[in-house]
Amino acid sequence: MRLDKFLKVSRLIKRRTVANEACDAGRVTVNDKPAKASVQVKPGDVIEIQFGTRNVRVEVVKLQDTTKKEEAAELFKYI
């Protein structure tokens, strides 16, 4: 699954366009490497997002094309 889609489906970032912009600005890394929006993520990957002064680091647990709001937190775990 594409990184930008995963960020939206997991609700780490609210909209896919915002996820694209964050990737283009270099604020998202996958496995400690700068990532473009088109990077394919898989379970076990570590994603780090810089939100201003705060960094969010999560590990991908599973992938789904769509999910309900209540189940979105099951797609990743905080590190």
Protein backbone atom coordinates (compact mmCIF):
# COMPACT_ATOMS: atom_id res chain seq x y z
CA MET A 1 0.00 0.00 0.00
CA ARG A 2 1.22 3.52 -0.77
CA LEU A 3 2.49 5.55 2.16
CA ASP A 4 0.10 8.46 1.62
CA LYS A 5 -2.91 6.13 1.52
CA PHE A 6 -1.78 4.32 4.69
CA LEU A 7 -1.39 7.61 6.56
CA LYS A 8 -4.94 8.59 5.59
CA VAL A 9 -6.59 5.20 6.25
CA SER A 10 -4.86 4.87 9.63
CA ARG A 11 -5.90 8.46 10.40
CA LEU A 12 -2.37 9.52 11.33
CA ILE A 13 -2.91 12.36 8.83
CA LYS A 14 -6.42 13.58 8.10
CA ARG A 15 -6.32 13.94 4.31
CA ARG A 16 -4.31 12.26 1.57
CA THR A 17 -3.31 15.57 0.01
CA VAL A 18 -1.87 16.68 3.35
CA ALA A 19 0.01 13.35 3.55
CA ASN A 20 1.41 13.99 0.06
CA GLU A 21 2.56 17.47 1.07
CA ALA A 22 4.23 16.16 4.24
CA CYS A 23 6.11 13.54 2.21
CA ASP A 24 7.18 16.10 -0.42
CA ALA A 25 8.45 18.42 2.33
CA GLY A 26 10.64 15.63 3.76
CA ARG A 27 8.81 15.38 7.08
CA VAL A 28 8.07 11.64 6.74
CA THR A 29 10.62 8.83 6.98
CA VAL A 30 10.17 5.09 6.56
CA ASN A 31 12.79 2.91 8.26
CA ASP A 32 14.94 6.03 8.86
CA LYS A 33 15.01 7.00 5.16
CA PRO A 34 13.21 10.02 3.67
CA ALA A 35 10.09 8.73 1.93
CA LYS A 36 8.06 9.85 -1.03
CA ALA A 37 4.27 9.42 -1.03
CA SER A 38 4.54 6.48 -3.45
CA VAL A 39 6.71 4.30 -1.17
CA GLN A 40 5.14 0.89 -0.56
CA VAL A 41 4.73 0.17 3.17
CA LYS A 42 4.38 -3.29 4.66
CA PRO A 43 3.81 -4.64 8.18
CA GLY A 44 6.91 -4.14 10.31
CA ASP A 45 7.93 -0.82 8.71
CA VAL A 46 8.65 2.08 11.07
CA ILE A 47 7.19 5.44 10.03
CA GLU A 48 8.27 8.72 11.63
CA ILE A 49 6.31 11.93 11.01
CA GLN A 50 7.44 15.40 12.10
CA PHE A 51 4.52 17.58 13.21
CA GLY A 52 6.16 20.93 13.97
CA THR A 53 8.15 20.35 17.15
CA ARG A 54 6.61 16.93 17.83
CA ASN A 55 7.72 13.64 16.26
CA VAL A 56 5.37 10.66 15.96
CA ARG A 57 6.99 7.25 15.51
CA VAL A 58 4.79 4.25 14.69
CA GLU A 59 5.20 0.69 13.48
CA VAL A 60 2.87 -0.66 10.79
CA VAL A 61 0.96 -3.66 12.19
CA LYS A 62 -1.42 -4.46 9.32
CA LEU A 63 -2.74 -3.00 6.09
CA GLN A 64 -6.35 -2.43 5.02
CA ASP A 65 -7.76 -0.49 2.08
CA THR A 66 -10.57 0.98 4.19
CA THR A 67 -11.30 1.00 7.89
CA LYS A 68 -13.76 2.37 10.40
CA LYS A 69 -12.71 5.13 12.75
CA GLU A 70 -12.78 2.82 15.77
CA GLU A 71 -10.54 0.24 14.05
CA ALA A 72 -7.99 2.68 12.60
CA ALA A 73 -5.75 2.52 15.69
CA GLU A 74 -5.30 -1.23 15.15
CA LEU A 75 -3.30 -0.60 11.95
CA PHE A 76 -0.26 0.74 13.82
CA LYS A 77 1.36 0.91 17.24
CA TYR A 78 3.26 3.79 18.79
CA ILE A 79 6.96 3.31 19.51
